[in-house]
Amino acid sequence: MATRAYTEAVKRAQAKYDKANTRQIILKLNRRTDADILEALDAKENRQGYLKALIRADIAANKTPANEAANETGAGGADGGQGDDGGQE
């Protein structure tokens, strides 16, 4: 019985930690149209680490003094300072 109580206590503690410190994001991919992405992700041992590294590399590549200044002052409006085209040319 002690094992079950311990397990339930651990589950409650983990759930409490997760609620306070983590956020889950779901990514829904189509098996047909996103097959290339699914294949690439399936080949990775650590999908979460891979995706985080890609996102951080993108963030670093897009950092400029102007972008950092806009982020610090809150400038740029709802579109993040990308203009009406959302950053597309």
Foldseek 3Di string as FASTA:
>chain_A
DVVVVVVVVVVVVVVVCCVVPHDDDDDDDDCPPCVVVVVVQVPDPDNVVVVVVVVVVVVVVPDDPVLVVCVVVVPLPPLSVCPPVSVDD
